[in-house]
Amino acid sequence: MALHLLFESASGYSLFHAYGLDEIGQNTEAVLDLTRFSKVIKLTSFHPFSSALDALNQCNAISEGFKHWIMTEELRNFLEMNLPKVKDGKKAKFSLGVAEPKVGSQVFEVTKIPCQSNEFVLELLRGVRLHFDRFIKDLKPSDLEKAQLGLGHSYSRAKVKFNVNRVDNMVIQAIFLLDTLDKDINSFSMRVREWYSWHFPELAKIVNDNYLYAKIAKFAENKSDLSENHIPELSELVGDEEKAKEIVEAAKASMDLSPIDLINVQQFAQRVINLSEYRKKLYEYLVTKMNDIAPNLASLIGEVVGARLISHAGSLSNLAKCPSSTLQILGTEKALFRALKTQGNTPKYGLIFHSSFIGRASARNKGRIARYLANRCSIVSRIDCFSEGNTSVFGQKLREQVEERLDFYDKGVAPRKNVDVMKDAIESVLNVAEKDAGE
């Protein structure tokens, strides 16, 4: 009985005819020798893929053979055109060797072509894979490697649904850096205040904002040089002409520093200004990434708190897997275990305490609103993690529901039911999708 081999490569489908197999017999090492192997295996047909997308579609179809693979028309036409036809009711005089038995069974169901998959067929296919570039004319080994690498990357991205705009690691790094910058800027700003106050102590009482204080210290330099002519420029810095006049008036008191001391103060103040400006840019970047990765979570609880939750959980998928009771106390692990050990009161909230909802609730309702908010955060994190669309509608609707729950605790106004809120959110998403489709 004749044996044909189906080989799927990154470049296309191939059919090989195996004959004279007695020369190889059970000596599987013979497949390594191209001279001997080429005497018993001949290429009968090669069907190249039309594009990289076509190769990806065919690869996805073959890989699904482990479950419920649907045979592609391209492969079916290729087999029917290059293999002998099988008449109904008659036994075929050939068989098709395939790598996967389940793929072979599906080919048999669709085309009635008998298939087989055993150790001997797998050894022959191993030899075909090893010497494939020698069988195809004008195909260089480097071309095959490029096709395999490109298809491998495309296939992996499709399997994990990779999206460069939804990499939560960027959010984790950004929020870590943002928190570090906040501590450093606060510490450095206090150092600028103490350092420059030896020269201009009155300025600390006039200007409270650290960033603005550093900018004025950089602008003023030696306070004895300040005059009425500098009031317009100072007004632009502080945004208030009266405060600018107050600064100029306070600078008339006599207390000087050496030039070298002033130079060092100015340089350090410039560093603080640069750090503060970078912190603003980093915050804008974090807001943008959160709206790409977890728009609903950002709409519900804010970009910074949402990013801290993702960072503490390790990833958005880990946060989505957390039950609401765990999400509620994320960030209070030490206090929780200490309370369990001493049999004391367990904490009611962790990182979500920084949400404005907790601050607005009365003392006796903080625990209840924290539990409710954690439940809403758990829902939107799962929507953000597992939904393919990028919308913040669910976060906005659930935020309205949390607002209604606050009113319920304070005023007794009955909030909407969960079913009604989710129906409203789904209708809004569908309306937006229809509007975009119409445009």
Protein backbone atom coordinates (compact mmCIF):
# COMPACT_ATOMS: atom_id res chain seq x y z
CA MET A 1 0.00 0.00 0.00
CA ALA A 2 1.37 3.39 -0.99
CA LEU A 3 2.13 5.83 1.75
CA HIS A 4 1.89 9.61 1.40
CA LEU A 5 3.06 12.07 4.05
CA LEU A 6 1.44 15.41 4.89
CA PHE A 7 3.93 17.92 6.23
CA GLU A 8 2.87 21.36 7.52
CA SER A 9 5.62 23.98 7.50
CA ALA A 10 5.70 27.73 8.04
CA SER A 11 5.94 28.17 4.26
CA GLY A 12 3.08 25.94 3.15
CA TYR A 13 1.61 22.43 2.86
CA SER A 14 3.71 19.63 1.34
CA LEU A 15 2.95 16.09 0.17
CA PHE A 16 5.65 13.45 0.02
CA HIS A 17 5.47 9.99 -1.49
CA ALA A 18 7.21 7.26 0.50
CA TYR A 19 8.21 4.14 -1.44
CA GLY A 20 10.90 1.50 -1.10
CA LEU A 21 10.57 1.64 2.65
CA ASP A 22 12.15 -1.78 2.95
CA GLU A 23 15.50 -0.10 2.36
CA ILE A 24 15.04 1.78 5.64
CA GLY A 25 13.11 -0.87 7.52
CA GLN A 26 13.22 -0.31 11.25
CA ASN A 27 16.56 1.52 11.05
CA THR A 28 15.30 4.95 12.04
CA GLU A 29 18.81 6.39 12.05
CA ALA A 30 18.70 6.26 8.26
CA VAL A 31 16.49 9.36 8.21
CA LEU A 32 19.53 11.39 9.24
CA ASP A 33 21.37 10.46 6.05
CA LEU A 34 20.04 12.66 3.23
CA THR A 35 21.50 10.40 0.52
CA ARG A 36 19.60 7.32 1.74
CA PHE A 37 16.51 9.26 2.80
CA SER A 38 16.08 11.01 -0.57
CA LYS A 39 15.96 7.61 -2.31
CA VAL A 40 12.75 6.60 -0.52
CA ILE A 41 11.02 9.97 0.00
CA LYS A 42 10.07 12.21 -2.92
CA LEU A 43 8.26 15.54 -2.94
CA THR A 44 5.06 15.29 -4.99
CA SER A 45 3.42 18.65 -4.32
CA PHE A 46 4.01 21.91 -2.45
CA HIS A 47 1.36 24.55 -1.79
CA PRO A 48 2.89 27.81 -0.41
CA PHE A 49 0.85 30.10 1.81
CA SER A 50 -0.23 33.32 0.15
CA SER A 51 0.68 35.57 3.08
CA ALA A 52 1.77 35.63 6.71
CA LEU A 53 -1.88 36.02 7.76
CA ASP A 54 -2.84 32.97 5.72
CA ALA A 55 -0.05 30.99 7.39
CA LEU A 56 -1.31 32.06 10.81
CA ASN A 57 -4.89 31.04 10.00
CA GLN A 58 -3.77 27.61 8.77
CA CYS A 59 -1.55 27.16 11.83
CA ASN A 60 -4.43 28.03 14.15
CA ALA A 61 -6.67 25.53 12.34
CA ILE A 62 -4.09 22.73 12.65
CA SER A 63 -3.41 23.49 16.32
CA GLU A 64 -7.11 23.22 17.11
CA GLY A 65 -7.01 19.59 15.94
CA PHE A 66 -6.54 18.56 19.55
CA LYS A 67 -10.11 19.65 20.31
CA HIS A 68 -12.68 20.39 17.62
CA TRP A 69 -10.64 21.17 14.54
CA ILE A 70 -12.51 22.24 11.43
CA MET A 71 -10.60 21.35 8.27
CA THR A 72 -9.79 24.37 6.12
CA GLU A 73 -10.90 24.51 2.49
CA GLU A 74 -7.35 25.23 1.43
CA LEU A 75 -6.03 21.97 2.93
CA ARG A 76 -9.00 19.97 1.67
CA ASN A 77 -8.54 21.18 -1.91
CA PHE A 78 -4.80 20.53 -1.71
CA LEU A 79 -5.30 16.92 -0.61
CA GLU A 80 -8.11 16.13 -3.08
CA MET A 81 -6.14 17.56 -6.01
CA ASN A 82 -2.89 15.72 -5.29
CA LEU A 83 -4.06 12.36 -3.91
CA PRO A 84 -5.91 9.57 -5.73
CA LYS A 85 -9.66 9.77 -5.45
CA VAL A 86 -11.34 7.35 -3.05
CA LYS A 87 -14.41 5.72 -4.54
CA ASP A 88 -17.40 5.02 -2.33
CA GLY A 89 -17.59 1.48 -1.02
CA LYS A 90 -14.07 0.60 -2.15
CA LYS A 91 -10.97 0.29 -0.07
CA ALA A 92 -8.27 2.84 -0.80
CA LYS A 93 -4.92 1.57 -2.04
CA PHE A 94 -2.98 4.26 -0.23
CA SER A 95 -2.86 5.98 3.13
CA LEU A 96 -1.85 9.41 4.36
CA GLY A 97 0.65 9.73 7.15
CA VAL A 98 0.00 12.63 9.58
CA ALA A 99 1.64 13.77 12.78
CA GLU A 100 -1.51 13.94 14.92
CA PRO A 101 -4.07 11.09 15.06
CA LYS A 102 -6.98 13.46 15.77
CA VAL A 103 -6.11 15.54 12.73
CA GLY A 104 -6.03 12.33 10.69
CA SER A 105 -9.47 11.27 11.92
CA GLN A 106 -10.92 14.65 10.89
CA VAL A 107 -9.31 14.38 7.44
CA PHE A 108 -10.86 10.93 7.04
CA GLU A 109 -14.32 12.17 8.06
CA VAL A 110 -14.26 15.00 5.53
CA THR A 111 -12.42 13.48 2.56
CA LYS A 112 -12.60 9.69 3.23
CA ILE A 113 -8.82 9.57 2.83
CA PRO A 114 -7.43 6.87 5.17
CA CYS A 115 -4.83 8.24 7.55
CA GLN A 116 -2.32 6.72 9.89
CA SER A 117 -0.08 8.05 12.62
CA ASN A 118 2.46 5.79 14.29
CA GLU A 119 6.08 5.83 15.35
CA PHE A 120 7.34 4.95 11.87
CA VAL A 121 5.35 7.78 10.26
CA LEU A 122 6.63 10.20 12.89
CA GLU A 123 10.23 9.14 12.13
CA LEU A 124 9.66 9.76 8.42
CA LEU A 125 8.17 13.18 9.16
CA ARG A 126 11.17 13.90 11.37
CA GLY A 127 13.41 13.23 8.39
CA VAL A 128 11.25 15.47 6.18
CA ARG A 129 11.48 18.27 8.75
CA LEU A 130 15.24 17.82 8.96
CA HIS A 131 15.87 17.93 5.18
CA PHE A 132 12.88 20.04 4.12
CA ASP A 133 14.92 22.91 2.62
CA ARG A 134 16.72 20.38 0.36
CA PHE A 135 13.45 19.13 -1.15
CA ILE A 136 12.09 22.58 -2.07
CA LYS A 137 13.97 24.28 -4.87
CA ASP A 138 15.00 27.93 -4.45
CA LEU A 139 14.21 27.75 -0.72
CA LYS A 140 17.14 28.85 1.41
CA PRO A 141 17.52 27.70 5.03
CA SER A 142 17.53 31.36 6.13
CA ASP A 143 14.15 31.94 4.40
CA LEU A 144 12.63 28.99 6.23
CA GLU A 145 14.01 30.20 9.56
CA LYS A 146 12.57 33.69 9.01
CA ALA A 147 9.16 32.22 8.13
CA GLN A 148 9.22 29.99 11.24
CA LEU A 149 10.25 32.88 13.49
CA GLY A 150 7.59 35.23 12.11
CA LEU A 151 4.85 32.60 12.32
CA GLY A 152 5.94 31.63 15.83
CA HIS A 153 5.69 35.22 17.06
CA SER A 154 2.31 35.76 15.37
CA TYR A 155 0.93 32.50 16.71
CA SER A 156 2.10 33.22 20.27
CA ARG A 157 0.62 36.73 20.22
CA ALA A 158 -2.69 35.39 18.93
CA LYS A 159 -2.79 32.70 21.61
CA VAL A 160 -2.14 35.01 24.56
CA LYS A 161 -4.04 37.89 22.91
CA PHE A 162 -0.98 40.09 23.35
CA ASN A 163 -1.59 43.81 23.20
CA VAL A 164 1.28 46.24 23.73
CA ASN A 165 -1.18 48.85 25.01
CA ARG A 166 -2.38 46.55 27.79
CA VAL A 167 0.89 45.58 29.48
CA ASP A 168 0.19 46.02 33.18
CA ASN A 169 3.90 45.83 34.03
CA MET A 170 4.23 49.41 32.76
CA VAL A 171 1.62 50.52 35.31
CA ILE A 172 3.36 48.61 38.12
CA GLN A 173 6.71 50.26 37.38
CA ALA A 174 5.14 53.70 36.94
CA ILE A 175 3.27 53.65 40.27
CA PHE A 176 6.38 52.43 42.10
CA LEU A 177 8.39 55.27 40.61
CA LEU A 178 5.61 57.78 41.30
CA ASP A 179 5.49 56.86 44.99
CA THR A 180 9.28 57.04 45.21
CA LEU A 181 9.32 60.45 43.54
CA ASP A 182 6.68 61.75 45.96
CA LYS A 183 8.87 60.82 48.93
CA ASP A 184 12.05 62.17 47.36
CA ILE A 185 10.49 65.43 46.18
CA ASN A 186 8.97 66.04 49.61
CA SER A 187 12.30 65.36 51.33
CA PHE A 188 14.31 67.49 48.88
CA SER A 189 11.79 70.34 49.05
CA MET A 190 12.11 70.48 52.82
CA ARG A 191 15.90 70.57 52.40
CA VAL A 192 15.58 73.50 49.96
CA ARG A 193 13.36 75.33 52.46
CA GLU A 194 15.81 74.85 55.32
CA TRP A 195 18.81 75.72 53.18
CA TYR A 196 17.39 78.84 51.52
CA SER A 197 15.73 79.97 54.77
CA TRP A 198 19.14 80.90 56.12
CA HIS A 199 19.18 83.56 53.41
CA PHE A 200 15.46 84.39 53.05
CA PRO A 201 13.50 83.07 56.09
CA GLU A 202 10.43 85.21 55.40
CA LEU A 203 9.74 83.38 52.10
CA ALA A 204 8.75 80.13 53.86
CA LYS A 205 5.82 81.89 55.55
CA ILE A 206 4.63 83.52 52.33
CA VAL A 207 4.85 80.50 49.98
CA ASN A 208 3.53 77.13 51.17
CA ASP A 209 3.76 75.10 47.95
CA ASN A 210 7.08 73.23 47.70
CA TYR A 211 7.34 73.34 43.90
CA LEU A 212 6.53 77.06 43.83
CA TYR A 213 9.02 77.73 46.65
CA ALA A 214 11.83 76.04 44.65
CA LYS A 215 10.96 78.08 41.54
CA ILE A 216 11.02 81.36 43.50
CA ALA A 217 14.31 80.39 45.15
CA LYS A 218 15.76 79.69 41.72
CA PHE A 219 14.42 82.97 40.33
CA ALA A 220 15.29 85.23 43.28
CA GLU A 221 18.86 83.98 43.88
CA ASN A 222 20.26 86.78 46.06
CA LYS A 223 17.27 88.48 47.69
CA SER A 224 19.09 91.80 47.90
CA ASP A 225 18.84 92.00 44.08
CA LEU A 226 15.02 91.83 44.13
CA SER A 227 13.32 95.15 43.34
CA GLU A 228 10.04 96.58 42.16
CA ASN A 229 11.07 95.75 38.58
CA HIS A 230 10.82 92.01 39.35
CA ILE A 231 7.18 92.15 40.48
CA PRO A 232 5.69 91.32 37.01
CA GLU A 233 7.88 88.22 36.67
CA LEU A 234 7.17 87.15 40.23
CA SER A 235 3.46 87.64 39.61
CA GLU A 236 3.63 85.15 36.72
CA LEU A 237 5.34 82.62 38.98
CA VAL A 238 3.04 82.89 42.00
CA GLY A 239 -0.12 83.91 40.10
CA ASP A 240 -0.85 86.74 42.50
CA GLU A 241 0.49 90.28 42.26
CA GLU A 242 -0.14 91.03 45.95
CA LYS A 243 1.90 88.03 47.01
CA ALA A 244 4.69 89.09 44.60
CA LYS A 245 4.79 92.52 46.23
CA GLU A 246 4.88 90.88 49.65
CA ILE A 247 7.89 88.78 48.59
CA VAL A 248 9.76 91.85 47.30
CA GLU A 249 8.97 93.77 50.48
CA ALA A 250 10.13 90.90 52.70
CA ALA A 251 13.38 90.62 50.73
CA LYS A 252 14.49 94.06 51.95
CA ALA A 253 15.55 92.65 55.32
CA SER A 254 19.31 92.19 55.54
CA MET A 255 20.69 88.64 55.68
CA ASP A 256 23.16 87.53 53.03
CA LEU A 257 24.90 84.31 52.03
CA SER A 258 28.22 83.86 50.31
CA PRO A 259 28.08 83.52 46.49
CA ILE A 260 29.24 79.88 46.58
CA ASP A 261 26.43 78.99 49.02
CA LEU A 262 23.84 80.68 46.79
CA ILE A 263 25.12 78.79 43.73
CA ASN A 264 24.68 75.47 45.49
CA VAL A 265 21.18 76.41 46.67
CA GLN A 266 20.20 77.40 43.12
CA GLN A 267 21.53 74.16 41.65
CA PHE A 268 19.68 72.06 44.20
CA ALA A 269 16.48 74.06 43.69
CA GLN A 270 16.76 73.41 39.94
CA ARG A 271 17.04 69.67 40.62
CA VAL A 272 13.87 69.80 42.72
CA ILE A 273 12.07 71.71 39.95
CA ASN A 274 13.17 69.12 37.38
CA LEU A 275 12.00 66.25 39.57
CA SER A 276 8.63 67.91 40.16
CA GLU A 277 8.11 68.50 36.44
CA TYR A 278 9.08 64.90 35.67
CA ARG A 279 6.63 63.75 38.33
CA LYS A 280 3.82 65.59 36.50
CA LYS A 281 4.75 63.92 33.20
CA LEU A 282 4.92 60.51 34.89
CA TYR A 283 1.46 61.03 36.37
CA GLU A 284 0.08 61.89 32.92
CA TYR A 285 1.72 58.73 31.55
CA LEU A 286 0.19 56.65 34.35
CA VAL A 287 -3.27 58.07 33.63
CA THR A 288 -2.90 57.21 29.94
CA LYS A 289 -1.72 53.64 30.64
CA MET A 290 -4.48 53.02 33.17
CA ASN A 291 -7.09 54.16 30.63
CA ASP A 292 -5.62 51.63 28.18
CA ILE A 293 -5.18 48.73 30.59
CA ALA A 294 -7.97 49.11 33.16
CA PRO A 295 -10.32 51.94 32.08
CA ASN A 296 -13.23 50.74 34.20
CA LEU A 297 -11.12 50.41 37.35
CA ALA A 298 -9.66 53.87 36.75
CA SER A 299 -13.13 55.37 36.27
CA LEU A 300 -14.43 53.74 39.44
CA ILE A 301 -11.67 54.32 41.96
CA GLY A 302 -9.13 56.61 40.26
CA GLU A 303 -5.93 56.00 38.32
CA VAL A 304 -3.50 56.11 41.26
CA VAL A 305 -5.47 53.87 43.64
CA GLY A 306 -6.28 51.47 40.79
CA ALA A 307 -2.60 51.29 39.83
CA ARG A 308 -1.63 50.58 43.46
CA LEU A 309 -4.14 47.72 43.58
CA ILE A 310 -2.72 46.22 40.36
CA SER A 311 0.84 46.66 41.64
CA HIS A 312 0.11 45.07 45.01
CA ALA A 313 -1.70 42.11 43.42
CA GLY A 314 1.17 41.59 40.97
CA SER A 315 -0.84 41.97 37.76
CA LEU A 316 -4.30 42.80 36.51
CA SER A 317 -5.10 39.11 36.06
CA ASN A 318 -4.10 38.40 39.68
CA LEU A 319 -6.32 41.27 40.84
CA ALA A 320 -9.21 39.92 38.75
CA LYS A 321 -8.83 36.53 40.46
CA CYS A 322 -9.01 38.05 43.94
CA PRO A 323 -12.37 37.82 45.72
CA SER A 324 -13.75 41.12 46.92
CA SER A 325 -12.98 40.23 50.55
CA THR A 326 -9.29 39.91 49.65
CA LEU A 327 -9.27 43.03 47.50
CA GLN A 328 -10.79 45.00 50.38
CA ILE A 329 -7.77 44.45 52.65
CA LEU A 330 -4.98 44.47 50.05
CA GLY A 331 -2.08 46.35 51.61
CA THR A 332 -2.90 45.49 55.25
CA GLU A 333 -1.38 42.01 55.40
CA LYS A 334 0.76 42.75 58.45
CA ALA A 335 -2.14 44.25 60.39
CA LEU A 336 -4.38 41.33 59.37
CA PHE A 337 -1.98 38.63 60.57
CA ARG A 338 -1.22 40.58 63.73
CA ALA A 339 -4.96 40.80 64.46
CA LEU A 340 -5.41 37.09 63.81
CA LYS A 341 -2.49 36.26 66.06
CA THR A 342 -3.65 38.46 68.93
CA GLN A 343 -7.35 37.75 68.29
CA GLY A 344 -7.99 41.45 67.83
CA ASN A 345 -10.14 43.36 65.34
CA THR A 346 -9.19 42.72 61.73
CA PRO A 347 -8.66 45.74 59.40
CA LYS A 348 -11.65 46.95 57.39
CA TYR A 349 -9.81 48.44 54.43
CA GLY A 350 -6.39 48.57 52.84
CA LEU A 351 -5.31 50.47 49.73
CA ILE A 352 -8.90 51.41 48.86
CA PHE A 353 -8.88 53.65 51.96
CA HIS A 354 -7.26 56.30 49.73
CA SER A 355 -10.41 56.42 47.61
CA SER A 356 -12.55 59.53 48.05
CA PHE A 357 -15.58 57.33 48.81
CA ILE A 358 -14.07 56.11 52.11
CA GLY A 359 -13.24 59.67 53.19
CA ARG A 360 -16.74 60.92 52.44
CA ALA A 361 -18.45 58.17 54.42
CA SER A 362 -19.27 58.67 58.09
CA ALA A 363 -17.22 56.83 60.71
CA ARG A 364 -19.82 54.11 61.30
CA ASN A 365 -20.31 53.53 57.56
CA LYS A 366 -16.67 53.39 56.47
CA GLY A 367 -16.48 49.61 56.81
CA ARG A 368 -19.71 49.05 54.90
CA ILE A 369 -18.79 51.36 52.03
CA ALA A 370 -15.31 49.77 51.89
CA ARG A 371 -16.86 46.32 51.53
CA TYR A 372 -19.25 47.56 48.85
CA LEU A 373 -16.52 49.43 46.97
CA ALA A 374 -14.26 46.35 47.01
CA ASN A 375 -17.09 44.34 45.46
CA ARG A 376 -17.48 46.88 42.65
CA CYS A 377 -13.69 46.97 42.10
CA SER A 378 -13.63 43.19 41.83
CA ILE A 379 -16.29 43.30 39.11
CA VAL A 380 -14.64 46.01 36.99
CA SER A 381 -11.17 44.44 37.29
CA ARG A 382 -12.57 41.23 35.77
CA ILE A 383 -14.26 43.19 33.02
CA ASP A 384 -11.00 45.01 32.24
CA CYS A 385 -8.96 41.79 32.33
CA PHE A 386 -11.14 39.51 30.23
CA SER A 387 -13.07 41.82 27.90
CA GLU A 388 -11.68 42.48 24.43
CA GLY A 389 -13.20 45.95 24.09
CA ASN A 390 -11.72 49.05 25.68
CA THR A 391 -14.52 50.98 27.37
CA SER A 392 -14.96 52.76 30.69
CA VAL A 393 -18.77 52.63 30.69
CA PHE A 394 -19.00 49.90 33.33
CA GLY A 395 -16.69 51.80 35.67
CA GLN A 396 -18.72 54.99 35.27
CA LYS A 397 -22.02 53.23 35.91
CA LEU A 398 -20.72 51.39 38.97
CA ARG A 399 -19.25 54.65 40.27
CA GLU A 400 -22.76 56.13 40.07
CA GLN A 401 -24.01 53.10 41.99
CA VAL A 402 -21.42 53.67 44.75
CA GLU A 403 -22.54 57.31 44.93
CA GLU A 404 -26.12 56.09 45.33
CA ARG A 405 -25.02 53.74 48.11
CA LEU A 406 -23.42 56.68 49.95
CA ASP A 407 -26.70 58.59 49.66
CA PHE A 408 -28.51 55.52 50.95
CA TYR A 409 -26.32 55.41 54.08
CA ASP A 410 -26.64 59.15 54.71
CA LYS A 411 -30.16 60.01 53.52
CA GLY A 412 -31.92 56.66 53.14
CA VAL A 413 -32.48 57.05 49.37
CA ALA A 414 -32.87 53.57 47.87
CA PRO A 415 -30.15 52.82 45.26
CA ARG A 416 -30.72 51.01 41.96
CA LYS A 417 -30.39 47.24 41.82
CA ASN A 418 -27.29 45.61 40.36
CA VAL A 419 -29.27 44.09 37.47
CA ASP A 420 -30.60 47.48 36.40
CA VAL A 421 -27.16 49.11 36.55
CA MET A 422 -25.51 46.39 34.48
CA LYS A 423 -28.32 46.42 31.91
CA ASP A 424 -27.91 50.18 31.59
CA ALA A 425 -24.15 49.78 31.12
CA ILE A 426 -24.54 47.07 28.47
CA GLU A 427 -27.07 49.17 26.57
CA SER A 428 -24.67 52.12 26.62
CA VAL A 429 -21.84 49.96 25.26
CA LEU A 430 -24.06 48.60 22.48
CA ASN A 431 -25.24 52.10 21.56
CA VAL A 432 -21.64 53.31 21.29
CA ALA A 433 -20.72 50.28 19.16
CA GLU A 434 -23.66 50.89 16.80
CA LYS A 435 -22.76 54.54 16.52
CA ASP A 436 -19.14 53.71 15.66
CA ALA A 437 -20.27 51.11 13.11
CA GLY A 438 -22.58 53.67 11.49
CA GLU A 439 -19.76 56.17 11.13
